[in-house]
Amino acid sequence: MPETRIKALKKSLSENGYTVGENIDVEYRKAKKGELPNVANDIVKSNINIIVPAGTPATIAAQKATTTT
């Protein structure tokens, strides 16, 4: 995730009462396009509450990883 997006995310979290490291944790993952499905599945298995993907391929992988049939 580009630095400007990270800053914007942290600013928005702060404006809504969240402080990274105090009442919310933010974890960043980077993957090549072919690795996205596995990374998305690992993230879902870690039982997190929110996924903020960057870009269409990451969004599709996150959507597939969180969709149940």
C-alpha atoms as a PDB file:
ATOM      1  CA  MET A   1       0.000   0.000   0.000  1.00  0.00           C
ATOM      2  CA  PRO A   2       1.573   3.327  -1.023  1.00  0.00           C
ATOM      3  CA  GLU A   3       2.702   5.599   1.810  1.00  0.00           C
ATOM      4  CA  THR A   4       0.048   8.235   1.019  1.00  0.00           C
ATOM      5  CA  ARG A   5      -2.718   5.645   1.440  1.00  0.00           C
ATOM      6  CA  ILE A   6      -1.225   4.445   4.723  1.00  0.00           C
ATOM      7  CA  LYS A   7      -1.119   8.012   6.038  1.00  0.00           C
ATOM      8  CA  ALA A   8      -4.719   8.578   4.924  1.00  0.00           C
ATOM      9  CA  LEU A   9      -5.845   5.351   6.607  1.00  0.00           C
ATOM     10  CA  LYS A  10      -4.126   6.239   9.885  1.00  0.00           C
ATOM     11  CA  LYS A  11      -5.539   9.783   9.764  1.00  0.00           C
ATOM     12  CA  SER A  12      -9.066   8.474   9.208  1.00  0.00           C
ATOM     13  CA  LEU A  13      -8.686   5.947  12.014  1.00  0.00           C
ATOM     14  CA  SER A  14      -7.447   8.687  14.331  1.00  0.00           C
ATOM     15  CA  GLU A  15     -10.354  10.962  13.410  1.00  0.00           C
ATOM     16  CA  ASN A  16     -12.684   8.140  14.420  1.00  0.00           C
ATOM     17  CA  GLY A  17     -11.108   7.509  17.812  1.00  0.00           C
ATOM     18  CA  TYR A  18      -8.590   4.812  16.948  1.00  0.00           C
ATOM     19  CA  THR A  19      -4.883   4.962  17.785  1.00  0.00           C
ATOM     20  CA  VAL A  20      -2.613   2.436  16.135  1.00  0.00           C
ATOM     21  CA  GLY A  21      -0.927   0.352  18.808  1.00  0.00           C
ATOM     22  CA  GLU A  22      -3.415   1.358  21.506  1.00  0.00           C
ATOM     23  CA  ASN A  23      -6.918   0.328  20.492  1.00  0.00           C
ATOM     24  CA  ILE A  24      -6.301  -0.956  16.968  1.00  0.00           C
ATOM     25  CA  ASP A  25      -3.550  -2.878  15.218  1.00  0.00           C
ATOM     26  CA  VAL A  26      -2.713  -2.446  11.556  1.00  0.00           C
ATOM     27  CA  GLU A  27      -0.896  -5.166   9.673  1.00  0.00           C
ATOM     28  CA  TYR A  28       0.461  -4.735   6.170  1.00  0.00           C
ATOM     29  CA  ARG A  29       0.968  -7.540   3.678  1.00  0.00           C
ATOM     30  CA  LYS A  30       2.575  -7.349   0.264  1.00  0.00           C
ATOM     31  CA  ALA A  31       2.233 -10.046  -2.365  1.00  0.00           C
ATOM     32  CA  LYS A  32       2.660 -10.644  -6.050  1.00  0.00           C
ATOM     33  CA  LYS A  33      -0.530 -11.114  -8.049  1.00  0.00           C
ATOM     34  CA  GLY A  34      -0.230 -14.912  -8.131  1.00  0.00           C
ATOM     35  CA  GLU A  35       0.235 -15.052  -4.347  1.00  0.00           C
ATOM     36  CA  LEU A  36      -2.830 -12.936  -3.513  1.00  0.00           C
ATOM     37  CA  PRO A  37      -5.333 -15.800  -3.025  1.00  0.00           C
ATOM     38  CA  ASN A  38      -3.051 -17.559  -0.521  1.00  0.00           C
ATOM     39  CA  VAL A  39      -2.270 -14.324   1.333  1.00  0.00           C
ATOM     40  CA  ALA A  40      -5.971 -13.411   1.457  1.00  0.00           C
ATOM     41  CA  ASN A  41      -6.847 -16.865   2.821  1.00  0.00           C
ATOM     42  CA  ASP A  42      -4.111 -16.565   5.472  1.00  0.00           C
ATOM     43  CA  ILE A  43      -5.459 -13.167   6.512  1.00  0.00           C
ATOM     44  CA  VAL A  44      -8.997 -14.518   6.838  1.00  0.00           C
ATOM     45  CA  LYS A  45      -7.761 -17.483   8.888  1.00  0.00           C
ATOM     46  CA  SER A  46      -6.048 -15.067  11.293  1.00  0.00           C
ATOM     47  CA  ASN A  47      -9.530 -13.933  12.361  1.00  0.00           C
ATOM     48  CA  ILE A  48      -9.107 -10.222  11.712  1.00  0.00           C
ATOM     49  CA  ASN A  49     -12.040  -7.830  11.589  1.00  0.00           C
ATOM     50  CA  ILE A  50     -11.301  -5.640   8.573  1.00  0.00           C
ATOM     51  CA  ILE A  51      -9.408  -6.129   5.316  1.00  0.00           C
ATOM     52  CA  VAL A  52      -8.410  -3.047   3.306  1.00  0.00           C
ATOM     53  CA  PRO A  53      -7.079  -4.293  -0.028  1.00  0.00           C
ATOM     54  CA  ALA A  54      -5.188  -2.040  -2.428  1.00  0.00           C
ATOM     55  CA  GLY A  55      -6.115  -2.534  -6.070  1.00  0.00           C
ATOM     56  CA  THR A  56      -8.520  -4.682  -8.018  1.00  0.00           C
ATOM     57  CA  PRO A  57      -6.619  -8.002  -7.898  1.00  0.00           C
ATOM     58  CA  ALA A  58      -6.217  -7.751  -4.109  1.00  0.00           C
ATOM     59  CA  THR A  59      -9.870  -6.787  -3.717  1.00  0.00           C
ATOM     60  CA  ILE A  60     -11.003  -9.779  -5.764  1.00  0.00           C
ATOM     61  CA  ALA A  61      -8.763 -12.125  -3.752  1.00  0.00           C
ATOM     62  CA  ALA A  62     -10.112 -10.718  -0.475  1.00  0.00           C
ATOM     63  CA  GLN A  63     -13.684 -11.021  -1.710  1.00  0.00           C
ATOM     64  CA  LYS A  64     -13.194 -14.652  -2.704  1.00  0.00           C
ATOM     65  CA  ALA A  65     -11.457 -15.453   0.584  1.00  0.00           C
ATOM     66  CA  THR A  66     -14.326 -13.993   2.615  1.00  0.00           C
ATOM     67  CA  THR A  67     -17.224 -15.354   0.554  1.00  0.00           C
ATOM     68  CA  THR A  68     -18.948 -18.477   1.810  1.00  0.00           C
ATOM     69  CA  THR A  69     -21.062 -20.765  -0.320  1.00  0.00           C
END
